[in-house]
Amino acid sequence: MVDLIGGQLDFMFEPMYSAVPSVQAGRMRALAITSTNRSPMMPDVPTMAESGVPGFVMENWQGLIGPAGIPAHIVRQLNASVNKALADPTIKAQMLSQGNEIGGGTPQQFEALVRSETAKWAEVVRHNKIVVQ
């Protein structure tokens, strides 16, 4: 962000929670949101699709991942605890204030998301012949 604000970069992708303060202070200008929908934190900023780049969706997500073989009852207990925390009004408000959307769900839904994102970005790497240097 220092390089963008200083004029060494023309644009960058930045998570909402770290971009909003600089946008609100007038040091940066938000051009588009990479999620499917506009953000409540910056409702006037269009999505990439609205900006003429259909199909460009890049969302930031987090989740809990553990070693293979965790007993099913532990997974269920952790999942229930996380979903309960995400429903707590104080936690929800804090997360929303940082530009996060509230997720939650089942372990199976999270596994499907991880598999989908892995396949999506593997195709981007393959198609663009991206290699580690």
Foldseek 3Di string as FASTA:
>chain_A
DVCCLVVVDPDDDDDQLVVLVCCVVVSDPQAAAQAPAAFPSCNVHHHVVVVPDPPRHDDDDDDDDDDPPDDPVVQVVVLVVVVVQLPPPVSVVVQSVSRHDGDGDHPVVVVVVVVVVVVVVVVVCVVVVPDDD
